[in-house]
Amino acid sequence: MGIVPIILIYLYLQLSKLESRLQASIMFSSLGLLLLFSSSKVLSQRNLPSTFPHNYTGIPPGDYSTAWQKYFEVSQPLPNVTNPIARNFAGNVGVNRAGHPNNTLWFWAFERENGSLTVSAGERENEPWLIWLNGGPGSSSLVGLMTENGPLQVTGNFSIVENQFSWDKLADAFWVDQPVGTGFSTSDAAGYVDSEDQMGEDFVQFLTNLVKVFPSLATRPFYLTGESYAGTFIPYITKAIFSTPNPPVKLHKISIGDGTIGDFALYEELSTVNTLETYPEIIGFDPDVFQYFKEQEHLCGYDVNLTYPQNGTIPTITDPFTTARIFAADFQAQPRLPVRRRLDNKALFARSHLFNRDVDDLQLEESRVLLKRNLTGRANGTLDPQYGCFLFEEMLDYAHNFSFPWSKCQPPVQLVYDIPDALNPEVPSDPSVFLNDNSTRAALHAPIKEWVEIFDFPFGSSPSEVNGTNPFGDPSPAYVHVHILPMGFMTELASNASERGVGIVIYEGNDDSLVAHRGLQVVIQNITFGGIQGFTRKPATAFTDDEGRFAGIVHQERNLTYALFQNAGHFVPRSVPEAAFVFLREFILGSNMTGFVNGTQAFFSDFEVTDPLPNVTQSLPRSFAGNVGVNREGHPNNTLFFWAFERQNGSLTARAGEREDEPWIIWLQGGPGSSSLQGFMTENGPLQVTGNHSIFENDFSWNKAADAFWVDQPVGAGFATTDAQGYVNGEDQLGEDFVQFLTNLVKVFPSLATRPFHLTGESYAGTYIPYITKALFSTVHPPVRLRKIAIGDGTIGDFALHEELSTLNSLETYPEIIGFDPDVFQYFKEQEHLCGYDINLTYPQNGVIPTLTNPFFTARRFEADSETRFGITLPQRRPLSRYTLLAARHAESRIGARHTGIVKELEKQRNVLKRNLIGRPNGTLDPEYGCFLWEEMTDYALNFTFPWMGGEWDPYDIPDALSPEVPRDATVFFNDNRTRTALHAPFKEWVKTIDHTFGNSSPNVNGSDPTSDPSPAPMSFMSELAFNASERGVGIIIYEGNDDSLVAHRGLQVVIQNITFGGIRGFTRKPATPFTDDRGRFAGVVHQERNLTYALFQNAGHFVPHSVPEAALTFLREFILGENRTGLVVDDENVLGIDGEGEGRNVHVIGGEDSVLAEDVMPGTTVIFYGSGTTASSLIVPSETLASWSSFLATATATTLPSVA
């Protein structure tokens, strides 16, 4: 025969494997011409005028009946088949098409057990039977039988072996060649189907005749299965069965594998980036090339956002034929079914280099780099004019030209069906020799026609183009108008299937790039079934094969099942035969409930946010909101309110016991009495509000890292509710309420009970969180699995600790507050000493830090307050900022402070004040301010220091002197009735902070102040809490912003050094390790010992996620949710603090220690923002001023101060 014909036959067989018009697009033009002119014998079957069968002796007379069973039974031996096989039947069955008596479909059927096919009508009514269809269009289902899921399998040397995972082991199974003319099916020259509807009608008639031969099939559950282009056939056949008044079979399920329910643009072009995410090897792990394809995806509108449930119909996607210059001629010549040219020879990619063995790898790499730099459209955000939206083809060309090993494949037809398969040549599994053996055809009662894997004209009236149509192309409306494939009527089909109790199964292989899974997921989310569009939860449930090995993901809702197989390409039963066999048994034929969304759907659906939110145009993750009771006896209306966002679709609605390693968080705001929705809308939620009340998306929302809840608490705060007598009377009751809230919450979202829970918050949540933690530790069977608590700028101590003691530290961080005045600095340093606030922190801490001076008993101005508030744990301070001694003393000057004519006089008076600061000459406390140093610092700035003397002081963020600051106020949004309705919120006025968190609903009842917290600060029990946390494996995280003066970092460092945890008081080493955000920028200092983590953020105020959102998200992911070890103190043998030892060993800190960062002060920003919020200006401190101040601090000697008793 010669080597050249053998090679040509092999290449033709590879071409014939292309199951549809779509796949032919990636073959060489030269290959097609070579075959056409050099192998006329191979293609001669195209000239046959018809494929009607020869008449065989033994055919029973008359209509089909059980008498035909004997004729169809395969009784003659099959060549090369030596293993025993089940009883089987084969032959042609007519389709009753008027005018075409020779039109037949051919089948080969195998019994599950002897006699199961030939029982009488009405018997075995509960035993399933199935039909398998291959695709193409025009592919013979015998390819599937002999290479995928049939009892006989062909090898590379054409021998026949047994398939231990044959589908006939589970059900009576038929492999059917269809439509007419395919495989051993027959048609006369004018009898080919002209549409999918006609194909469906033919198939129903075939079934009508088939059940006459095997009558029990009429009442047994029927499963119609197939793959690839059968994803088009099967919906049309199903539609035809549903349209038949008395259908011949009892359809139970349809099953489609890697099926063409949508069109090629959906499966190939739209799915290209997803394919590259699955296999970045295709582009050699090149980030630049990936970004190029991602840009092109966006320009084509292929970056469709899938939500669960889907929010609105997915728009029609771009037809790539209208975007690409290279295809313009094809589109005009073939308006009905444009054919894509073969692309691999495009000059742009200079593929010829690969076949020039003189071109070395360096030159090839240079060519690739040049291509990267010049990828058309990359620089200016426009589509590549050559490829347009043919992203799939461009991806293939890139791989074939530049990515090893595909760049070495000849021809490059691998990759499309099974991405990891770059074999060249691949060992063929070709059944043509077996099926074209005359003894095989005789045994199978097959017509004497040449069997081919796929033939070229399943549609149309002849092999050649008639009246300008292409008989290879499907002329159904599905193809005349792009995007109206079965997807166009799948909602109607699914509704009819549901009414008839028919299940729909869609599965696919993860390694298939031709019908990629992203496209099928888009199809599903565009189908309305069971009254809901798409799945309500993202598929995320694992299933296994019989060996317990992970096989893939399965998901089931209503009457639709979806599965994605791992390590499987386009032909799932061939790639993973055992897993496919198990899936057939459990999910197609069986009723395995794995992945099924059960009755809990109705429970959490009451909280699902489905109504549109006003002014929100962004696509949001699925969210849930509403009020949950706290079970407080006598107060049935006491509730907390939450708004929760999923990290990924379906992650919150997983069943109990699922996703046990996936974290979830709750965020709490402070106040006391502040709504956490304020943090949601201005800090770390997915939506952010602007000064003009518009809404924008937050790129650094914390739900990107974990399922996240923002909770309004205690009762009465925000949208949380209470009756008039139901407010909490202290922190212990608040903690008990919260535990009961969690108890009820996990009933709604049961997976949360066993998933790691992270309780986070800021400001006064620094009081809430320790009390809540204490309540959880006191609960015998806590409802959640607490993993870590995280407190940002939190009030763990009292105000004297966080404000007064920290005043000098604030001045060292921002000497701008006092205008870089050394004399004023020395005054505050003296007052600090006199108040006993100059505490010496040591590492480890040497002894207990003494109780701080209560400033209420030191200041003349507050004597009346002290007497009135006697016995109150936290006396109320009057507002000081504009009504203090200094403000009154210079009120007239302050009024005119903005007029340049008075500035000199003001400066003169300031200098007088400096010389006469009360108490300075004799080393005593200022009798007016006493130890209220923070208030005195504030007043000084407001009266004498530009730009704060303009009237604004932001204690939360020192560099912010805007007056007024543009508000970021969520009040308008949350008080919109549409918002309240969507969030299932009560119709009460939402305010940022209520003024009666503790006590009764009215202020000043029985002489108590309901804004005051009667509970002691958590610092009093933090050592006990830390010990219990360590015993339970719960981590504690304390972080803060360097620009916060209200809860300043010096005070929190004192708190830490006063806590005994892991058997040691405080940290053993001073925090001095830098950490960075995701872009490698310095974010701050981090330190970790035993079960406590501390971080100080640079350029951040009181609200860290608001100030530095990217760094905050990184910190959440790495340190709160993660186990990043940067800053962790370790020794050679053990993490220091686990056993309390380590002395004498090589103790060090992961990430190193920076001596500059080890100083007590991290310098603040050199820019102060001031002026109107809409026309803000900035004051940049001159470098000379900074240098002079640094020199002063370096050379200044401590003031001689009297000792403090």
Foldseek 3Di string as FASTA:
>chain_A
DDDVVVVLVVLVQLCLVQQALLLNQAFDPVNVVCNVPPPCVVVVLQPDQWQFFDDDPPQDDDAFAQSCQVVQWQDFDFPLDDDDFATKGKAWFFLPDPPWRRFTKIKIKGALHPPPQADDAPPPLAAEEEEEEEARPQFFLVCCQAQFAHQWHAFLVRHIDGDPLHLNNRHTYMYMADDAPHFLGITGLQGFDAFLLVRLSSVQSRLQRVCNNRVRQQNHEYEYEYEAQVLQNVLSNLVSQLVDPRGSGQYAAYEYELYPQADQCLQFLLCPLVLCVLPVLLQPVDPLVSVVSVLLNVQQVSPWDCAFLRQDATDDTHDQCVQAPQQVVQCVLQVQFRRNHNDLVDVLLVLVLLVPVVNDPVNLVVSVVVCSVCVPCPVPSDARRHRRSNSRSVSLNSSCRPRPPNVVEVPSSPCQFFNVDNDHVDSDRDNQVSCQPPSNCVSNVGGNRRGDRGDQASHDSGSDDDPSHGRNDRNYPCRSDHGCGNLVCQQVSQASCLVSNYAYEYEYECRHNSRHVSSVQSSQSNHQHPNTRHHNFDFDFWDDFPVRHTFFTWADERRYIYTYGYQGGSRRSSRPVRVVSRCCNPPRSHPNCGRYQDPLCVLQVVFWQNFDAPLDPDDFHTKGKDWFFLPDPPWRQFTKIKIKGALHGRPQQDDAPPPLAAEEEEEEEPQPQFFLVVCLQQFANQWHAFLVRHIDGDPQHLNVQHTYMYMGDDAPRFLGHTPQFGFAAFLLVRLSSVQSRLQRVCVSRVHQQNHEYEYEYEAQVLQNVLSNLVSQLVDPRGSGQYAAYEYELYPLADQCLQFLLCLLQLCVQPVLLQPLDPLVSLVSVLLSQQQVSPDDAAQLRDDADDDGDDQLVQAPQNVVQCVLCPPFPDGDDDDQQCPAPLNVVCVVLLVVCVPVVSVVVLVVVVVVCSVCVPCVVPSHARRHRRSVSRSVSNNSSCRPGPPNVVPAQDLQFGLENAVVASDRDCQVSCQPVSNCVSSVGDNDRGDRGQQQNHGGPDACDPNDGSNDHRDHRNLVCQQVSQASCLVSNYAYEYEYECRRNSRHPSSVQSSQSNHQHLNTRHHNAFFFFWDAFPVRHTFFTWADARRYIYTYGAQGGSSRSSRPVRRVSRCCNPPSSHPNQARFWCFPPGRDSNNVDDPPTRIAGHRHGDPVSSDSHDHHAQWRWYYHNVDIDIDGDDPVSVVVSVVCVVPPDRDDHDHHD
